[in-house]
PDB file of N, CA and C in Angstrom:
ATOM      1  N   MET A   1      25.125  35.900 -18.496  1.00  0.00           N
ATOM      2  CA  MET A   1      25.459  34.947 -17.567  1.00  0.00           C
ATOM      3  C   MET A   1      24.471  34.703 -16.436  1.00  0.00           C
ATOM      4  N   ALA A   2      23.913  36.061 -15.607  1.00  0.00           N
ATOM      5  CA  ALA A   2      23.314  35.900 -14.618  1.00  0.00           C
ATOM      6  C   ALA A   2      21.874  35.628 -14.529  1.00  0.00           C
ATOM      7  N   LYS A   3      21.326  35.349 -15.981  1.00  0.00           N
ATOM      8  CA  LYS A   3      19.931  34.869 -16.533  1.00  0.00           C
ATOM      9  C   LYS A   3      20.509  33.315 -16.499  1.00  0.00           C
ATOM     10  N   TYR A   4      21.264  32.963 -16.789  1.00  0.00           N
ATOM     11  CA  TYR A   4      21.549  31.554 -16.901  1.00  0.00           C
ATOM     12  C   TYR A   4      21.772  30.716 -15.524  1.00  0.00           C
ATOM     13  N   ARG A   5      22.235  31.535 -14.836  1.00  0.00           N
ATOM     14  CA  ARG A   5      22.734  31.264 -13.012  1.00  0.00           C
ATOM     15  C   ARG A   5      21.272  30.917 -12.777  1.00  0.00           C
ATOM     16  N   ALA A   6      20.433  31.810 -12.440  1.00  0.00           N
ATOM     17  CA  ALA A   6      19.207  31.846 -11.908  1.00  0.00           C
ATOM     18  C   ALA A   6      18.534  31.119 -12.552  1.00  0.00           C
ATOM     19  N   ALA A   7      18.295  30.707 -13.971  1.00  0.00           N
ATOM     20  CA  ALA A   7      17.616  29.769 -14.385  1.00  0.00           C
ATOM     21  C   ALA A   7      17.919  28.061 -13.911  1.00  0.00           C
ATOM     22  N   ILE A   8      19.153  28.285 -13.872  1.00  0.00           N
ATOM     23  CA  ILE A   8      19.552  26.831 -13.652  1.00  0.00           C
ATOM     24  C   ILE A   8      19.194  26.336 -12.204  1.00  0.00           C
ATOM     25  N   SER A   9      19.243  27.906 -11.156  1.00  0.00           N
ATOM     26  CA  SER A   9      19.279  27.467  -9.560  1.00  0.00           C
ATOM     27  C   SER A   9      17.629  27.352  -9.736  1.00  0.00           C
ATOM     28  N   ILE A  10      17.252  27.862 -10.608  1.00  0.00           N
ATOM     29  CA  ILE A  10      15.505  27.587 -10.209  1.00  0.00           C
ATOM     30  C   ILE A  10      15.253  25.991 -10.652  1.00  0.00           C
ATOM     31  N   ILE A  11      15.543  25.759 -11.681  1.00  0.00           N
ATOM     32  CA  ILE A  11      15.341  24.097 -12.581  1.00  0.00           C
ATOM     33  C   ILE A  11      16.158  23.158 -11.139  1.00  0.00           C
ATOM     34  N   LEU A  12      17.085  23.763 -10.726  1.00  0.00           N
ATOM     35  CA  LEU A  12      17.838  22.623  -9.570  1.00  0.00           C
ATOM     36  C   LEU A  12      16.930  22.596  -8.610  1.00  0.00           C
ATOM     37  N   ALA A  13      16.111  23.960  -8.135  1.00  0.00           N
ATOM     38  CA  ALA A  13      15.119  24.041  -6.993  1.00  0.00           C
ATOM     39  C   ALA A  13      13.843  22.928  -7.308  1.00  0.00           C
ATOM     40  N   LEU A  14      13.429  23.376  -8.285  1.00  0.00           N
ATOM     41  CA  LEU A  14      12.352  22.579  -8.677  1.00  0.00           C
ATOM     42  C   LEU A  14      12.566  20.999  -8.892  1.00  0.00           C
ATOM     43  N   THR A  15      13.777  20.400  -9.244  1.00  0.00           N
ATOM     44  CA  THR A  15      14.073  18.918  -9.252  1.00  0.00           C
ATOM     45  C   THR A  15      14.344  18.655  -7.974  1.00  0.00           C
ATOM     46  N   ALA A  16      14.976  19.355  -7.093  1.00  0.00           N
ATOM     47  CA  ALA A  16      15.071  18.749  -5.750  1.00  0.00           C
ATOM     48  C   ALA A  16      13.473  18.454  -4.843  1.00  0.00           C
ATOM     49  N   THR A  17      13.221  19.619  -5.277  1.00  0.00           N
ATOM     50  CA  THR A  17      11.753  19.880  -4.591  1.00  0.00           C
ATOM     51  C   THR A  17      10.990  18.714  -4.875  1.00  0.00           C
ATOM     52  N   PHE A  18      10.627  18.001  -6.098  1.00  0.00           N
ATOM     53  CA  PHE A  18      10.081  16.922  -6.803  1.00  0.00           C
ATOM     54  C   PHE A  18      10.666  15.311  -6.894  1.00  0.00           C
ATOM     55  N   VAL A  19      11.833  15.498  -6.251  1.00  0.00           N
ATOM     56  CA  VAL A  19      12.529  14.372  -5.677  1.00  0.00           C
ATOM     57  C   VAL A  19      12.297  14.233  -4.432  1.00  0.00           C
ATOM     58  N   LEU A  20      12.259  15.127  -3.562  1.00  0.00           N
ATOM     59  CA  LEU A  20      12.144  15.293  -2.182  1.00  0.00           C
ATOM     60  C   LEU A  20      10.754  14.585  -1.939  1.00  0.00           C
ATOM     61  N   ALA A  21       9.635  15.423  -2.486  1.00  0.00           N
ATOM     62  CA  ALA A  21       8.321  15.569  -2.001  1.00  0.00           C
ATOM     63  C   ALA A  21       7.963  13.519  -2.766  1.00  0.00           C
ATOM     64  N   ARG A  22       8.236  13.136  -4.348  1.00  0.00           N
ATOM     65  CA  ARG A  22       8.549  12.008  -4.015  1.00  0.00           C
ATOM     66  C   ARG A  22       9.066  10.775  -3.489  1.00  0.00           C
ATOM     67  N   HIS A  23      10.067  11.108  -2.665  1.00  0.00           N
ATOM     68  CA  HIS A  23      10.390  10.313  -1.847  1.00  0.00           C
ATOM     69  C   HIS A  23       9.845  10.120  -0.461  1.00  0.00           C
ATOM     70  N   ASN A  24       9.406  11.192   0.142  1.00  0.00           N
ATOM     71  CA  ASN A  24       8.934  11.147   1.033  1.00  0.00           C
ATOM     72  C   ASN A  24       7.435  10.739   0.998  1.00  0.00           C
ATOM     73  N   SER A  25       6.890  10.881  -0.217  1.00  0.00           N
ATOM     74  CA  SER A  25       5.474  10.336  -0.446  1.00  0.00           C
ATOM     75  C   SER A  25       5.551   8.777  -0.669  1.00  0.00           C
ATOM     76  N   GLN A  26       6.765   8.148  -0.390  1.00  0.00           N
ATOM     77  CA  GLN A  26       6.407   6.014  -0.954  1.00  0.00           C
ATOM     78  C   GLN A  26       6.837   5.992   0.628  1.00  0.00           C
ATOM     79  N   LYS A  27       7.035   6.727   1.717  1.00  0.00           N
ATOM     80  CA  LYS A  27       7.186   5.796   2.874  1.00  0.00           C
ATOM     81  C   LYS A  27       5.700   5.954   3.752  1.00  0.00           C
ATOM     82  N   PRO A  28       5.131   5.322   3.979  1.00  0.00           N
ATOM     83  CA  PRO A  28       3.507   5.233   4.219  1.00  0.00           C
ATOM     84  C   PRO A  28       3.487   5.754   5.758  1.00  0.00           C
ATOM     85  N   ASN A  29       2.686   6.465   5.960  1.00  0.00           N
ATOM     86  CA  ASN A  29       2.475   7.002   7.156  1.00  0.00           C
ATOM     87  C   ASN A  29       1.971   6.363   8.954  1.00  0.00           C
ATOM     88  N   THR A  30       2.693   5.651   9.518  1.00  0.00           N
ATOM     89  CA  THR A  30       2.546   4.791  10.328  1.00  0.00           C
ATOM     90  C   THR A  30       2.267   5.447  11.705  1.00  0.00           C
ATOM     91  N   SER A  31       2.092   6.625  11.899  1.00  0.00           N
ATOM     92  CA  SER A  31       1.464   7.403  13.196  1.00  0.00           C
ATOM     93  C   SER A  31       0.231   7.272  13.618  1.00  0.00           C
ATOM     94  N   ALA A  32      -0.677   7.268  12.636  1.00  0.00           N
ATOM     95  CA  ALA A  32      -2.011   7.318  12.696  1.00  0.00           C
ATOM     96  C   ALA A  32      -2.673   6.497  11.800  1.00  0.00           C
ATOM     97  N   PRO A  33      -3.856   5.711  11.800  1.00  0.00           N
ATOM     98  CA  PRO A  33      -4.420   5.020  10.759  1.00  0.00           C
ATOM     99  C   PRO A  33      -5.140   5.887   9.881  1.00  0.00           C
ATOM    100  N   THR A  34      -4.629   5.144   8.835  1.00  0.00           N
ATOM    101  CA  THR A  34      -5.184   6.071   7.140  1.00  0.00           C
ATOM    102  C   THR A  34      -6.724   6.178   7.402  1.00  0.00           C
ATOM    103  N   LYS A  35      -7.597   7.349   7.096  1.00  0.00           N
ATOM    104  CA  LYS A  35      -8.883   7.076   6.859  1.00  0.00           C
ATOM    105  C   LYS A  35      -9.310   6.488   5.566  1.00  0.00           C
ATOM    106  N   VAL A  36     -10.247   5.355   6.045  1.00  0.00           N
ATOM    107  CA  VAL A  36     -10.919   4.557   4.836  1.00  0.00           C
ATOM    108  C   VAL A  36     -12.247   4.517   4.891  1.00  0.00           C
ATOM    109  N   THR A  37     -12.724   4.569   3.396  1.00  0.00           N
ATOM    110  CA  THR A  37     -14.206   4.427   3.488  1.00  0.00           C
ATOM    111  C   THR A  37     -14.939   2.852   2.867  1.00  0.00           C
ATOM    112  N   GLY A  38     -15.700   2.772   2.784  1.00  0.00           N
ATOM    113  CA  GLY A  38     -16.444   1.787   2.270  1.00  0.00           C
ATOM    114  C   GLY A  38     -16.210   0.397   3.470  1.00  0.00           C
ATOM    115  N   ASP A  39     -16.602  -0.882   2.921  1.00  0.00           N
ATOM    116  CA  ASP A  39     -16.636  -1.921   3.776  1.00  0.00           C
ATOM    117  C   ASP A  39     -15.493  -2.572   3.947  1.00  0.00           C
ATOM    118  N   GLY A  40     -14.312  -2.311   3.119  1.00  0.00           N
ATOM    119  CA  GLY A  40     -13.432  -2.926   3.051  1.00  0.00           C
ATOM    120  C   GLY A  40     -13.371  -4.415   2.590  1.00  0.00           C
ATOM    121  N   ILE A  41     -12.317  -5.217   2.520  1.00  0.00           N
ATOM    122  CA  ILE A  41     -12.604  -6.802   1.996  1.00  0.00           C
ATOM    123  C   ILE A  41     -12.444  -7.409   3.433  1.00  0.00           C
ATOM    124  N   LYS A  42     -13.274  -8.627   3.697  1.00  0.00           N
ATOM    125  CA  LYS A  42     -13.117  -9.489   4.359  1.00  0.00           C
ATOM    126  C   LYS A  42     -13.195 -10.676   4.000  1.00  0.00           C
ATOM    127  N   THR A  43     -11.907 -11.602   4.921  1.00  0.00           N
ATOM    128  CA  THR A  43     -11.795 -12.900   4.480  1.00  0.00           C
ATOM    129  C   THR A  43     -12.327 -13.885   5.133  1.00  0.00           C
ATOM    130  N   PRO A  44     -12.238 -15.006   5.069  1.00  0.00           N
ATOM    131  CA  PRO A  44     -13.305 -16.202   5.327  1.00  0.00           C
ATOM    132  C   PRO A  44     -12.913 -15.973   7.348  1.00  0.00           C
ATOM    133  N   SER A  45     -11.540 -15.712   7.600  1.00  0.00           N
ATOM    134  CA  SER A  45     -11.080 -15.677   9.156  1.00  0.00           C
ATOM    135  C   SER A  45     -11.769 -14.199   9.965  1.00  0.00           C
ATOM    136  N   GLY A  46     -12.570 -13.526   9.108  1.00  0.00           N
ATOM    137  CA  GLY A  46     -13.131 -12.096   9.711  1.00  0.00           C
ATOM    138  C   GLY A  46     -12.001 -11.201   9.682  1.00  0.00           C
ATOM    139  N   LEU A  47     -10.882 -11.290   9.387  1.00  0.00           N
ATOM    140  CA  LEU A  47     -10.137  -9.956   9.063  1.00  0.00           C
ATOM    141  C   LEU A  47     -10.668  -8.989   7.793  1.00  0.00           C
ATOM    142  N   THR A  48     -10.560  -8.145   7.885  1.00  0.00           N
ATOM    143  CA  THR A  48     -11.276  -7.050   7.561  1.00  0.00           C
ATOM    144  C   THR A  48     -10.032  -6.006   6.569  1.00  0.00           C
ATOM    145  N   TYR A  49      -9.922  -5.935   5.121  1.00  0.00           N
ATOM    146  CA  TYR A  49      -8.906  -5.147   5.398  1.00  0.00           C
ATOM    147  C   TYR A  49      -8.809  -3.752   4.107  1.00  0.00           C
ATOM    148  N   TRP A  50      -8.229  -2.879   4.102  1.00  0.00           N
ATOM    149  CA  TRP A  50      -8.396  -2.031   2.758  1.00  0.00           C
ATOM    150  C   TRP A  50      -6.987  -1.954   2.135  1.00  0.00           C
ATOM    151  N   ASP A  51      -7.307  -1.858   0.544  1.00  0.00           N
ATOM    152  CA  ASP A  51      -5.935  -1.604   0.129  1.00  0.00           C
ATOM    153  C   ASP A  51      -5.747   0.087  -0.136  1.00  0.00           C
ATOM    154  N   ILE A  52      -4.735   0.219   0.645  1.00  0.00           N
ATOM    155  CA  ILE A  52      -4.734   1.988   0.812  1.00  0.00           C
ATOM    156  C   ILE A  52      -3.918   2.477  -0.392  1.00  0.00           C
ATOM    157  N   ARG A  53      -2.862   1.815  -0.759  1.00  0.00           N
ATOM    158  CA  ARG A  53      -2.114   1.745  -2.309  1.00  0.00           C
ATOM    159  C   ARG A  53      -2.317   0.887  -2.829  1.00  0.00           C
ATOM    160  N   VAL A  54      -2.553   0.484  -3.944  1.00  0.00           N
ATOM    161  CA  VAL A  54      -2.697  -0.356  -4.939  1.00  0.00           C
ATOM    162  C   VAL A  54      -1.630  -0.560  -5.990  1.00  0.00           C
ATOM    163  N   GLY A  55      -0.785  -1.366  -6.048  1.00  0.00           N
ATOM    164  CA  GLY A  55       0.582  -1.075  -7.042  1.00  0.00           C
ATOM    165  C   GLY A  55       0.294  -1.147  -8.194  1.00  0.00           C
ATOM    166  N   ASN A  56       0.870  -0.571  -9.448  1.00  0.00           N
ATOM    167  CA  ASN A  56       0.441  -0.760 -10.828  1.00  0.00           C
ATOM    168  C   ASN A  56       1.458  -1.836 -11.581  1.00  0.00           C
ATOM    169  N   GLY A  57       1.993  -2.462 -10.944  1.00  0.00           N
ATOM    170  CA  GLY A  57       3.215  -3.706 -11.731  1.00  0.00           C
ATOM    171  C   GLY A  57       2.107  -4.642 -12.125  1.00  0.00           C
ATOM    172  N   ASP A  58       2.791  -5.787 -13.028  1.00  0.00           N
ATOM    173  CA  ASP A  58       2.480  -6.677 -13.059  1.00  0.00           C
ATOM    174  C   ASP A  58       1.815  -7.640 -11.930  1.00  0.00           C
ATOM    175  N   VAL A  59       0.378  -8.335 -11.813  1.00  0.00           N
ATOM    176  CA  VAL A  59      -0.292  -8.904 -11.161  1.00  0.00           C
ATOM    177  C   VAL A  59       0.544 -10.098 -10.865  1.00  0.00           C
ATOM    178  N   ALA A  60       1.270 -10.400  -9.329  1.00  0.00           N
ATOM    179  CA  ALA A  60       1.220 -11.973  -8.915  1.00  0.00           C
ATOM    180  C   ALA A  60       0.992 -12.991  -9.414  1.00  0.00           C
ATOM    181  N   LYS A  61       1.669 -14.158  -9.978  1.00  0.00           N
ATOM    182  CA  LYS A  61       1.291 -15.223 -10.226  1.00  0.00           C
ATOM    183  C   LYS A  61       1.554 -16.077  -9.096  1.00  0.00           C
ATOM    184  N   GLU A  62       0.932 -17.195  -8.853  1.00  0.00           N
ATOM    185  CA  GLU A  62       1.151 -18.320  -8.140  1.00  0.00           C
ATOM    186  C   GLU A  62       2.430 -18.640  -8.022  1.00  0.00           C
ATOM    187  N   GLY A  63       3.202 -18.722  -6.708  1.00  0.00           N
ATOM    188  CA  GLY A  63       5.022 -19.189  -6.625  1.00  0.00           C
ATOM    189  C   GLY A  63       5.507 -17.562  -6.902  1.00  0.00           C
ATOM    190  N   SER A  64       5.333 -16.314  -7.189  1.00  0.00           N
ATOM    191  CA  SER A  64       6.084 -15.580  -7.693  1.00  0.00           C
ATOM    192  C   SER A  64       6.261 -14.888  -6.355  1.00  0.00           C
ATOM    193  N   ARG A  65       7.586 -14.373  -6.178  1.00  0.00           N
ATOM    194  CA  ARG A  65       7.978 -13.450  -5.456  1.00  0.00           C
ATOM    195  C   ARG A  65       7.828 -12.025  -5.384  1.00  0.00           C
ATOM    196  N   VAL A  66       7.007 -11.550  -3.930  1.00  0.00           N
ATOM    197  CA  VAL A  66       6.559  -9.996  -3.654  1.00  0.00           C
ATOM    198  C   VAL A  66       6.829  -9.473  -2.786  1.00  0.00           C
ATOM    199  N   ARG A  67       7.215  -8.133  -3.090  1.00  0.00           N
ATOM    200  CA  ARG A  67       7.902  -7.696  -1.060  1.00  0.00           C
ATOM    201  C   ARG A  67       6.532  -6.695  -0.777  1.00  0.00           C
ATOM    202  N   VAL A  68       6.386  -6.425   0.160  1.00  0.00           N
ATOM    203  CA  VAL A  68       4.902  -5.757   0.736  1.00  0.00           C
ATOM    204  C   VAL A  68       5.349  -5.247   2.108  1.00  0.00           C
ATOM    205  N   HIS A  69       4.567  -4.369   2.257  1.00  0.00           N
ATOM    206  CA  HIS A  69       4.848  -3.731   3.661  1.00  0.00           C
ATOM    207  C   HIS A  69       3.222  -3.499   4.024  1.00  0.00           C
ATOM    208  N   TYR A  70       3.030  -3.370   5.519  1.00  0.00           N
ATOM    209  CA  TYR A  70       2.097  -3.479   6.112  1.00  0.00           C
ATOM    210  C   TYR A  70       2.136  -2.514   7.221  1.00  0.00           C
ATOM    211  N   THR A  71       0.799  -1.977   7.987  1.00  0.00           N
ATOM    212  CA  THR A  71       0.921  -1.400   9.032  1.00  0.00           C
ATOM    213  C   THR A  71      -0.732  -1.942   9.760  1.00  0.00           C
ATOM    214  N   GLY A  72      -0.690  -2.732  10.933  1.00  0.00           N
ATOM    215  CA  GLY A  72      -1.809  -3.314  11.471  1.00  0.00           C
ATOM    216  C   GLY A  72      -2.901  -2.573  12.484  1.00  0.00           C
ATOM    217  N   TRP A  73      -3.480  -2.205  12.223  1.00  0.00           N
ATOM    218  CA  TRP A  73      -4.604  -1.233  13.306  1.00  0.00           C
ATOM    219  C   TRP A  73      -5.880  -2.105  13.832  1.00  0.00           C
ATOM    220  N   LEU A  74      -6.044  -1.787  15.055  1.00  0.00           N
ATOM    221  CA  LEU A  74      -7.191  -2.570  15.581  1.00  0.00           C
ATOM    222  C   LEU A  74      -8.461  -1.411  15.104  1.00  0.00           C
ATOM    223  N   THR A  75      -9.528  -1.877  15.484  1.00  0.00           N
ATOM    224  CA  THR A  75     -11.011  -0.514  15.232  1.00  0.00           C
ATOM    225  C   THR A  75     -10.777   0.173  16.245  1.00  0.00           C
ATOM    226  N   SER A  76     -10.379   0.189  17.514  1.00  0.00           N
ATOM    227  CA  SER A  76      -9.958   0.752  18.426  1.00  0.00           C
ATOM    228  C   SER A  76      -8.774   2.329  18.283  1.00  0.00           C
ATOM    229  N   GLY A  77      -7.933   1.837  17.060  1.00  0.00           N
ATOM    230  CA  GLY A  77      -7.099   3.103  16.575  1.00  0.00           C
ATOM    231  C   GLY A  77      -5.833   2.657  16.787  1.00  0.00           C
ATOM    232  N   LYS A  78      -5.469   1.664  17.836  1.00  0.00           N
ATOM    233  CA  LYS A  78      -4.141   0.813  18.254  1.00  0.00           C
ATOM    234  C   LYS A  78      -3.294   0.395  17.340  1.00  0.00           C
ATOM    235  N   LYS A  79      -2.340   0.966  17.129  1.00  0.00           N
ATOM    236  CA  LYS A  79      -1.614  -0.013  16.094  1.00  0.00           C
ATOM    237  C   LYS A  79      -0.644  -1.066  16.951  1.00  0.00           C
ATOM    238  N   PHE A  80      -0.971  -2.130  15.913  1.00  0.00           N
ATOM    239  CA  PHE A  80      -0.473  -2.966  16.607  1.00  0.00           C
ATOM    240  C   PHE A  80       0.972  -3.971  15.768  1.00  0.00           C
ATOM    241  N   ASP A  81       0.990  -3.898  14.774  1.00  0.00           N
ATOM    242  CA  ASP A  81       2.356  -4.175  13.908  1.00  0.00           C
ATOM    243  C   ASP A  81       2.578  -3.447  12.786  1.00  0.00           C
ATOM    244  N   SER A  82       3.931  -3.313  12.104  1.00  0.00           N
ATOM    245  CA  SER A  82       3.784  -2.999  11.390  1.00  0.00           C
ATOM    246  C   SER A  82       5.560  -3.082  10.625  1.00  0.00           C
ATOM    247  N   SER A  83       5.360  -3.861   9.647  1.00  0.00           N
ATOM    248  CA  SER A  83       6.692  -4.011   8.742  1.00  0.00           C
ATOM    249  C   SER A  83       7.492  -2.549   8.792  1.00  0.00           C
ATOM    250  N   VAL A  84       6.774  -1.376   8.200  1.00  0.00           N
ATOM    251  CA  VAL A  84       7.376  -0.024   7.740  1.00  0.00           C
ATOM    252  C   VAL A  84       8.620  -0.092   8.947  1.00  0.00           C
ATOM    253  N   GLU A  85       8.236   0.367  10.152  1.00  0.00           N
ATOM    254  CA  GLU A  85       9.353   0.402  11.162  1.00  0.00           C
ATOM    255  C   GLU A  85      10.495  -0.690  11.393  1.00  0.00           C
ATOM    256  N   ARG A  86      10.226  -1.899  11.019  1.00  0.00           N
ATOM    257  CA  ARG A  86      10.911  -3.224  11.457  1.00  0.00           C
ATOM    258  C   ARG A  86      12.110  -2.767   9.982  1.00  0.00           C
ATOM    259  N   ARG A  87      11.296  -2.231   8.930  1.00  0.00           N
ATOM    260  CA  ARG A  87      12.086  -2.462   7.457  1.00  0.00           C
ATOM    261  C   ARG A  87      11.965  -3.340   6.800  1.00  0.00           C
ATOM    262  N   PRO A  88      11.947  -4.643   7.346  1.00  0.00           N
ATOM    263  CA  PRO A  88      12.244  -5.640   5.772  1.00  0.00           C
ATOM    264  C   PRO A  88      10.957  -5.807   5.519  1.00  0.00           C
ATOM    265  N   THR A  89      10.750  -6.270   4.152  1.00  0.00           N
ATOM    266  CA  THR A  89       9.307  -6.218   3.543  1.00  0.00           C
ATOM    267  C   THR A  89       8.687  -7.614   4.035  1.00  0.00           C
ATOM    268  N   PHE A  90       7.600  -7.781   4.029  1.00  0.00           N
ATOM    269  CA  PHE A  90       7.088  -9.146   4.661  1.00  0.00           C
ATOM    270  C   PHE A  90       6.678 -10.025   3.252  1.00  0.00           C
TER     271      PHE A  90
END
């Protein structure tokens, strides 16, 4: 009986660790800019952006509703806006 309790305890601990790690990894870190490589994508207006985490769902079509979080950083490293901290998606 003690072996079963130990096995169940280990399974529960591993499951909790996995769930917490997955939950914590879903919220982006907005305390510092993410290190990026490459030139990024430059829009006609001059905005340069990088896709830090690309989704794996269906591609949105024109007229589709999507939910997006963003954090805006100046090239100096100063954060100027973040939907993550305000909570509603954009």
